[in-house]
């Protein structure tokens, strides 16, 4: 089968990925094999390829927004049947017994593994996964629409819930790519007023089309104090303007797995009056199940840019250069 692997992590323009032929993987106990039809291109894939995240598996196949159909099941696997359409997300396995798993916070599992980082992912014609961590996809979602939901959607949804934003509250979104444009639609459908700060002119236009009350540059000051901010751009310098934009008691949630260094904060300006700065880590299966039920009901629509499998490296390069508006999706099967 065709698959991309990270040969030597480094700048994407230096060609850290290589398209290779690999044997089709066989599912082990409790596993399924998925013939991949589509795979979303996530900024985390870029962090894996460029080495922002440490190597967990040499020559790993990236991709963790995987859509396809089950074409083989391993021993003791009975949750899905041949032909079922499923999605694979970032969270690949958890231990189920650590202190975090026992209290329902499996996203913090001390032995968790992740698709496209610890386990080979969806930049390939087939992928193997633990059936317990696969999602049954709603018929209302096409492959193109389902793929970005499986990470960009899930992490944005978890970040939104972590802010405690109430209906009618003011929500700031810093960075407006694949995850933010999905989160914006959920928040707006639930009554939030949207304020978007992003450097991309194309992303600013998309935010306006999606009904944002205010759209500005990445460091512009919103005209009203915000009840919550979600930082999607992996830029630590944006933490200070994000916190400064918060009203008293507001929450800033950092939705990315990687962030450049955060400059020193001024306590009075950035944190006093019970402003909160928090990170968001991975997802639970419950997050994914809730989102996949909610998105079709709310009419959430991903703006997607298609790429063939053999141009996955170009998709990542375009993502790095902010040449993608919305979410890139690899068409595979």
Protein backbone atom coordinates (compact mmCIF):
# COMPACT_ATOMS: atom_id res chain seq x y z
CA UNK A 1 0.00 0.00 0.00
CA UNK A 2 1.02 3.63 -0.41
CA UNK A 3 1.86 5.52 2.79
CA UNK A 4 3.71 8.64 3.87
CA UNK A 5 6.23 8.29 6.67
CA UNK A 6 8.28 10.82 8.63
CA UNK A 7 11.83 9.91 7.62
CA UNK A 8 13.68 12.66 9.46
CA UNK A 9 11.74 15.37 11.32
CA UNK A 10 12.59 18.89 10.20
CA UNK A 11 11.23 21.95 8.38
CA UNK A 12 8.48 20.92 5.99
CA UNK A 13 10.21 22.60 3.06
CA UNK A 14 13.17 20.28 3.65
CA UNK A 15 11.10 17.19 2.85
CA UNK A 16 10.83 15.29 6.15
CA UNK A 17 8.14 13.00 4.68
CA UNK A 18 8.54 10.31 2.04
CA UNK A 19 5.90 8.40 0.06
CA UNK A 20 6.69 4.67 0.28
CA UNK A 21 5.21 1.25 -0.39
CA UNK A 22 4.43 -0.74 2.73
CA UNK A 23 2.79 -4.11 3.37
CA UNK A 24 -0.90 -3.82 4.23
CA UNK A 25 -1.07 -4.06 8.05
CA UNK A 26 -2.90 -6.94 9.70
CA UNK A 27 -5.20 -6.29 12.69
CA UNK A 28 -4.24 -7.88 15.99
CA UNK A 29 -6.47 -8.87 18.91
CA UNK A 30 -9.25 -6.32 19.46
CA UNK A 31 -8.24 -4.37 16.38
CA UNK A 32 -9.84 -3.43 13.08
CA UNK A 33 -8.28 -2.55 9.75
CA UNK A 34 -9.68 0.46 7.97
CA UNK A 35 -9.40 1.07 4.23
CA UNK A 36 -8.90 4.81 4.30
CA UNK A 37 -11.07 6.98 2.06
CA UNK A 38 -10.19 10.41 3.51
CA UNK A 39 -7.86 11.88 6.11
CA UNK A 40 -7.88 15.41 7.41
CA UNK A 41 -4.63 17.38 7.53
CA UNK A 42 -4.11 18.75 11.03
CA UNK A 43 -1.51 21.17 12.39
CA UNK A 44 -0.46 18.44 14.82
CA UNK A 45 0.68 16.42 11.77
CA UNK A 46 2.90 19.38 10.92
CA UNK A 47 4.31 19.42 14.47
CA UNK A 48 5.11 15.68 14.17
CA UNK A 49 6.74 16.12 10.75
CA UNK A 50 8.80 19.14 11.77
CA UNK A 51 9.91 17.76 15.13
CA UNK A 52 8.06 20.22 17.36
CA UNK A 53 6.78 17.07 19.07
CA UNK A 54 9.44 14.53 20.07
CA UNK A 55 9.69 11.34 18.03
CA UNK A 56 7.56 8.59 19.57
CA UNK A 57 7.78 6.14 16.67
CA UNK A 58 10.42 6.16 13.98
CA UNK A 59 9.07 6.52 10.44
CA UNK A 60 5.55 6.99 11.75
CA UNK A 61 2.69 7.48 9.31
CA UNK A 62 0.98 10.77 10.25
CA UNK A 63 -2.73 11.47 10.17
CA UNK A 64 -5.39 11.26 12.87
CA UNK A 65 -8.58 12.48 11.19
CA UNK A 66 -9.16 9.17 9.46
CA UNK A 67 -12.34 8.10 7.65
CA UNK A 68 -12.81 4.74 5.98
CA UNK A 69 -14.50 1.36 6.03
CA UNK A 70 -13.62 -1.71 8.04
CA UNK A 71 -12.19 -4.39 5.76
CA UNK A 72 -10.71 -6.79 8.34
CA UNK A 73 -11.16 -7.58 12.02
CA UNK A 74 -8.71 -9.17 14.38
CA UNK A 75 -9.30 -11.87 16.99
CA UNK A 76 -11.80 -10.90 19.71
CA UNK A 77 -12.89 -7.80 17.77
CA UNK A 78 -16.67 -7.67 17.48
CA UNK A 79 -17.77 -4.07 17.75
CA UNK A 80 -17.78 -3.44 13.98
CA UNK A 81 -18.57 -5.49 10.90
CA UNK A 82 -16.87 -5.60 7.53
CA UNK A 83 -18.04 -2.57 5.53
CA UNK A 84 -18.91 -0.35 8.51
CA UNK A 85 -17.82 3.27 8.06
CA UNK A 86 -15.72 4.50 10.97
CA UNK A 87 -13.52 7.37 12.07
CA UNK A 88 -10.19 7.27 13.87
CA UNK A 89 -9.07 10.21 15.97
CA UNK A 90 -5.99 11.39 17.88
CA UNK A 91 -6.59 9.28 20.99
CA UNK A 92 -5.55 5.74 20.02
CA UNK A 93 -5.48 3.86 23.36
CA UNK A 94 -5.51 4.46 27.10
CA UNK A 95 -4.57 2.17 29.97
CA UNK A 96 -7.99 2.30 31.63
CA UNK A 97 -6.56 1.85 35.14
CA UNK A 98 -4.48 4.94 36.00
CA UNK A 99 -5.80 7.62 38.35
CA UNK A 100 -6.96 9.75 35.41
CA UNK A 101 -8.72 6.96 33.53
CA UNK A 102 -10.51 5.89 36.71
CA UNK A 103 -11.97 9.36 37.20
CA UNK A 104 -13.11 9.76 33.59
CA UNK A 105 -10.22 11.96 32.42
CA UNK A 106 -8.77 9.51 29.92
CA UNK A 107 -7.36 12.42 27.90
CA UNK A 108 -4.75 12.71 30.69
CA UNK A 109 -3.93 8.99 30.79
CA UNK A 110 -0.27 8.50 31.72
CA UNK A 111 0.10 5.66 29.19
CA UNK A 112 -2.05 7.00 26.35
CA UNK A 113 -1.00 6.45 22.75
CA UNK A 114 -1.94 8.62 19.81
CA UNK A 115 -2.77 8.02 16.17
CA UNK A 116 -0.14 9.41 13.83
CA UNK A 117 2.41 9.82 16.62
CA UNK A 118 2.68 6.53 18.53
CA UNK A 119 0.70 4.47 16.02
CA UNK A 120 0.63 4.71 12.25
CA UNK A 121 -2.15 6.96 11.04
CA UNK A 122 -4.19 7.83 8.00
CA UNK A 123 -1.74 9.24 5.44
CA UNK A 124 -1.97 5.77 3.92
CA UNK A 125 -4.33 3.47 2.07
CA UNK A 126 -5.03 1.43 5.22
CA UNK A 127 -4.66 1.77 8.98
CA UNK A 128 -5.09 -0.50 11.97
CA UNK A 129 -6.75 0.67 15.19
CA UNK A 130 -8.09 -0.51 18.53
CA UNK A 131 -11.81 -0.92 17.88
CA UNK A 132 -12.70 0.62 21.27
CA UNK A 133 -11.33 3.97 20.11
CA UNK A 134 -13.00 4.07 16.70
CA UNK A 135 -16.15 6.10 16.06
CA UNK A 136 -19.21 5.00 14.15
CA UNK A 137 -19.90 7.90 11.78
CA UNK A 138 -23.36 9.40 11.19
CA UNK A 139 -24.76 8.87 7.70
CA UNK A 140 -25.45 12.63 7.47
CA UNK A 141 -21.72 13.38 7.36
CA UNK A 142 -19.82 12.83 4.11
CA UNK A 143 -16.22 11.65 4.33
CA UNK A 144 -14.99 15.19 3.62
CA UNK A 145 -17.18 16.62 6.38
CA UNK A 146 -16.45 13.89 8.93
CA UNK A 147 -12.65 13.96 8.66
CA UNK A 148 -11.98 17.46 10.11
CA UNK A 149 -14.38 16.81 12.97
CA UNK A 150 -12.20 13.95 14.23
CA UNK A 151 -9.53 16.25 15.66
CA UNK A 152 -10.03 19.87 14.65
CA UNK A 153 -13.66 19.53 15.65
CA UNK A 154 -13.10 17.51 18.81
CA UNK A 155 -10.33 19.67 20.27
CA UNK A 156 -12.25 22.85 19.50
CA UNK A 157 -15.36 21.38 21.10
CA UNK A 158 -13.44 20.39 24.23
CA UNK A 159 -11.81 23.82 24.40
CA UNK A 160 -15.18 25.54 24.07
CA UNK A 161 -16.69 23.47 26.86
CA UNK A 162 -13.65 24.07 29.06
CA UNK A 163 -14.24 27.83 29.01
CA UNK A 164 -17.67 27.48 30.63
CA UNK A 165 -19.06 30.03 28.14
CA UNK A 166 -22.72 30.72 28.73
CA UNK A 167 -25.33 31.28 25.98
CA UNK A 168 -25.08 34.85 24.75
CA UNK A 169 -21.49 35.22 25.95
CA UNK A 170 -18.72 36.87 23.94
CA UNK A 171 -16.19 34.39 22.55
CA UNK A 172 -12.82 35.37 21.11
CA UNK A 173 -11.10 33.04 18.64
CA UNK A 174 -7.40 33.75 18.03
CA UNK A 175 -6.37 32.03 14.81
CA UNK A 176 -9.08 30.90 12.42
CA UNK A 177 -8.14 27.68 10.68
CA UNK A 178 -9.56 24.17 10.54
CA UNK A 179 -10.48 23.92 14.21
CA UNK A 180 -11.61 27.48 14.87
CA UNK A 181 -14.05 27.67 11.95
CA UNK A 182 -15.83 24.55 13.24
CA UNK A 183 -15.85 25.75 16.85
CA UNK A 184 -17.25 29.10 15.73
CA UNK A 185 -20.27 27.43 14.18
CA UNK A 186 -21.05 25.42 17.31
CA UNK A 187 -20.67 28.45 19.57
CA UNK A 188 -22.79 30.66 17.31
CA UNK A 189 -25.53 28.02 17.10
CA UNK A 190 -25.58 27.98 20.91
CA UNK A 191 -25.99 31.76 21.07
CA UNK A 192 -22.43 33.06 21.44
CA UNK A 193 -21.26 36.35 19.94
CA UNK A 194 -18.03 35.78 17.99
CA UNK A 195 -14.91 37.95 17.93
CA UNK A 196 -12.15 36.68 15.62
CA UNK A 197 -8.49 37.76 15.57
CA UNK A 198 -6.40 36.30 12.76
CA UNK A 199 -3.66 37.47 10.40
CA UNK A 200 -5.02 35.74 7.28
CA UNK A 201 -7.19 37.94 5.06
CA UNK A 202 -8.92 34.84 3.66
CA UNK A 203 -9.63 33.54 7.16
CA UNK A 204 -10.98 36.94 8.16
CA UNK A 205 -13.42 36.76 5.24
CA UNK A 206 -14.52 33.27 6.26
CA UNK A 207 -15.08 34.46 9.84
CA UNK A 208 -17.23 37.32 8.58
CA UNK A 209 -19.21 34.91 6.39
CA UNK A 210 -19.84 32.74 9.46
CA UNK A 211 -21.37 35.69 11.31
CA UNK A 212 -18.59 37.05 13.50
CA UNK A 213 -19.60 40.30 15.22
CA UNK A 214 -16.02 41.58 14.91
CA UNK A 215 -13.02 40.49 12.84
CA UNK A 216 -9.53 41.92 13.28
CA UNK A 217 -5.82 41.23 12.99
CA UNK A 218 -4.03 38.80 15.26
CA UNK A 219 -3.09 41.42 17.85
CA UNK A 220 -5.93 43.91 17.34
CA UNK A 221 -7.97 44.80 20.42
CA UNK A 222 -11.62 43.65 20.32
CA UNK A 223 -14.13 46.44 20.89
CA UNK A 224 -15.79 44.67 23.84
CA UNK A 225 -14.49 42.65 26.80
CA UNK A 226 -14.69 38.92 26.14
CA UNK A 227 -16.10 36.22 28.41
CA UNK A 228 -13.87 33.55 26.90
CA UNK A 229 -10.99 33.22 24.45
CA UNK A 230 -9.73 30.13 22.65
CA UNK A 231 -6.20 30.35 21.28
CA UNK A 232 -5.83 28.12 18.21
CA UNK A 233 -2.70 29.65 16.68
CA UNK A 234 0.45 27.97 18.12
CA UNK A 235 1.90 31.37 18.94
CA UNK A 236 2.77 32.09 22.56
CA UNK A 237 2.96 35.84 21.89
CA UNK A 238 -0.84 35.85 21.49
CA UNK A 239 -1.46 34.76 25.08
CA UNK A 240 -0.95 38.29 26.39
CA UNK A 241 -3.41 40.05 24.03
CA UNK A 242 -5.86 37.21 24.54
CA UNK A 243 -5.78 37.57 28.32
CA UNK A 244 -5.91 41.36 28.09
CA UNK A 245 -9.10 41.07 26.01
CA UNK A 246 -10.88 39.07 28.73
CA UNK A 247 -13.52 40.51 31.00
CA UNK A 248 -13.29 39.83 34.74
CA UNK A 249 -13.59 36.12 35.44
CA UNK A 250 -12.92 35.23 31.80
CA UNK A 251 -11.11 32.08 30.64
CA UNK A 252 -8.45 31.69 27.96
CA UNK A 253 -8.10 28.10 26.74
CA UNK A 254 -5.08 27.09 24.65
CA UNK A 255 -6.33 24.48 22.20
CA UNK A 256 -3.06 23.35 20.59
CA UNK A 257 -0.67 20.57 21.53
CA UNK A 258 2.30 22.84 20.83
CA UNK A 259 2.85 26.52 21.64
CA UNK A 260 5.89 28.75 21.22
CA UNK A 261 7.22 30.38 24.39
CA UNK A 262 4.80 32.62 26.28
CA UNK A 263 6.25 36.05 27.16
CA UNK A 264 6.21 37.25 30.75
CA UNK A 265 2.73 38.19 31.98
CA UNK A 266 1.79 41.27 33.93
CA UNK A 267 -0.26 40.04 36.86
CA UNK A 268 -2.50 43.11 37.15
CA UNK A 269 -3.19 43.42 33.44
CA UNK A 270 -3.40 39.78 32.40
CA UNK A 271 -4.48 37.61 35.36
CA UNK A 272 -5.97 39.73 38.14
CA UNK A 273 -9.77 39.77 38.61
CA UNK A 274 -9.88 35.97 38.36
CA UNK A 275 -8.92 35.63 34.74
CA UNK A 276 -7.91 32.04 34.00
CA UNK A 277 -5.27 30.64 31.62
CA UNK A 278 -5.61 26.93 30.95
CA UNK A 279 -4.49 24.30 28.46
CA UNK A 280 -6.62 21.71 26.71
CA UNK A 281 -5.11 18.24 26.34
CA UNK A 282 -6.22 15.69 23.75
CA UNK A 283 -9.79 14.44 24.07
CA UNK A 284 -11.95 11.78 25.63
CA UNK A 285 -14.09 9.41 23.61
CA UNK A 286 -17.09 11.10 25.15
CA UNK A 287 -16.00 14.41 23.57
CA UNK A 288 -15.93 12.76 20.16
CA UNK A 289 -19.25 11.00 20.55
CA UNK A 290 -20.97 14.20 21.71
CA UNK A 291 -19.55 16.22 18.83
CA UNK A 292 -20.49 13.66 16.18
CA UNK A 293 -24.09 13.73 17.43
CA UNK A 294 -24.18 17.51 17.76
CA UNK A 295 -22.52 18.66 14.53
CA UNK A 296 -25.14 17.33 12.08
CA UNK A 297 -27.97 18.62 14.28
CA UNK A 298 -26.48 22.13 14.39
CA UNK A 299 -25.66 22.12 10.67
CA UNK A 300 -21.90 22.49 11.20
CA UNK A 301 -20.14 22.52 7.82
CA UNK A 302 -16.41 22.27 7.29
CA UNK A 303 -14.83 24.40 4.59
CA UNK A 304 -12.49 21.89 2.98
CA UNK A 305 -9.65 21.95 0.45
CA UNK A 306 -9.05 18.56 -1.23
CA UNK A 307 -5.63 17.03 -1.96
CA UNK A 308 -4.76 13.62 -3.41
CA UNK A 309 -2.74 11.27 -1.21
CA UNK A 310 0.41 11.80 -3.27
CA UNK A 311 0.34 15.53 -2.43
CA UNK A 312 0.12 15.18 1.36
CA UNK A 313 3.51 16.87 1.73
CA UNK A 314 2.24 19.84 -0.27
CA UNK A 315 -0.87 20.01 1.92
CA UNK A 316 1.34 20.30 5.01
CA UNK A 317 3.53 22.91 3.33
CA UNK A 318 0.43 24.92 2.42
CA UNK A 319 -0.81 24.62 6.00
CA UNK A 320 2.52 25.86 7.35
CA UNK A 321 2.40 28.86 5.02
CA UNK A 322 -1.24 29.72 5.85
CA UNK A 323 -2.33 29.00 2.28
CA UNK A 324 -5.34 26.92 3.38
CA UNK A 325 -8.65 28.47 4.36
CA UNK A 326 -10.63 25.99 6.44
CA UNK A 327 -9.37 22.41 6.54
CA UNK A 328 -7.32 20.35 4.07
CA UNK A 329 -8.52 16.78 3.44
CA UNK A 330 -6.60 14.03 1.67
CA UNK A 331 -8.70 11.97 -0.75
CA UNK A 332 -7.36 8.42 -0.65
CA UNK A 333 -9.78 5.62 -1.42
